[in-house]
Every structure is written in structure tokens, then in C-alpha cells.
C-alpha atoms as a PDB file:
ATOM      1  CA  UNK A   1     110.820  57.283 128.079  1.00  0.00           C
ATOM      2  CA  UNK A   2     108.093  59.614 129.347  1.00  0.00           C
ATOM      3  CA  UNK A   3     110.529  61.505 131.577  1.00  0.00           C
ATOM      4  CA  UNK A   4     112.822  62.190 128.593  1.00  0.00           C
ATOM      5  CA  UNK A   5     109.868  63.607 126.641  1.00  0.00           C
ATOM      6  CA  UNK A   6     108.625  65.723 129.552  1.00  0.00           C
ATOM      7  CA  UNK A   7     112.022  67.153 130.525  1.00  0.00           C
ATOM      8  CA  UNK A   8     112.368  69.567 127.567  1.00  0.00           C
ATOM      9  CA  UNK A   9     108.865  70.861 128.243  1.00  0.00           C
ATOM     10  CA  UNK A  10     109.753  71.720 131.842  1.00  0.00           C
ATOM     11  CA  UNK A  11     113.027  73.313 130.740  1.00  0.00           C
ATOM     12  CA  UNK A  12     111.189  75.496 128.215  1.00  0.00           C
ATOM     13  CA  UNK A  13     108.650  76.573 130.834  1.00  0.00           C
ATOM     14  CA  UNK A  14     111.407  77.353 133.324  1.00  0.00           C
ATOM     15  CA  UNK A  15     113.370  79.345 130.737  1.00  0.00           C
ATOM     16  CA  UNK A  16     110.260  81.310 129.776  1.00  0.00           C
ATOM     17  CA  UNK A  17     109.523  82.102 133.418  1.00  0.00           C
ATOM     18  CA  UNK A  18     113.103  83.270 134.066  1.00  0.00           C
ATOM     19  CA  UNK A  19     113.046  85.406 130.925  1.00  0.00           C
ATOM     20  CA  UNK A  20     109.802  87.126 131.965  1.00  0.00           C
ATOM     21  CA  UNK A  21     111.113  87.761 135.481  1.00  0.00           C
ATOM     22  CA  UNK A  22     114.374  89.196 134.127  1.00  0.00           C
ATOM     23  CA  UNK A  23     112.561  91.460 131.671  1.00  0.00           C
ATOM     24  CA  UNK A  24     110.215  92.706 134.397  1.00  0.00           C
ATOM     25  CA  UNK A  25     113.146  93.311 136.747  1.00  0.00           C
ATOM     26  CA  UNK A  26     115.008  95.304 134.069  1.00  0.00           C
ATOM     27  CA  UNK A  27     111.852  97.245 133.215  1.00  0.00           C
ATOM     28  CA  UNK A  28     111.540  98.284 136.871  1.00  0.00           C
ATOM     29  CA  UNK A  29     115.240  99.201 137.144  1.00  0.00           C
ATOM     30  CA  UNK A  30     115.465 101.333 133.992  1.00  0.00           C
ATOM     31  CA  UNK A  31     112.965 104.063 135.076  1.00  0.00           C
ATOM     32  CA  UNK A  32     114.664 104.313 138.486  1.00  0.00           C
ATOM     33  CA  UNK A  33     118.135 104.890 137.044  1.00  0.00           C
ATOM     34  CA  UNK A  34     117.021 107.558 134.552  1.00  0.00           C
END
């Protein structure tokens, strides 16, 4: 039962981390291309 409750929390954290990394990567790429 605890694992089922904790899983979504980890997924949300992972998604947030990936989103931040992607945004930072894009932010670094945009100035280089222009």
C-alpha cells in the first residue's frame, strides 16, 4: 500500500527534474543558434 502511494510522488519528482533539464538545455541551445 505504501509503495502505491509513494510511486506517484517519485514520478512527479522525476518529471519535474526532466522538465527543468530540458528547459535549461533548450535555453542554452537557443542563444547559440541565433
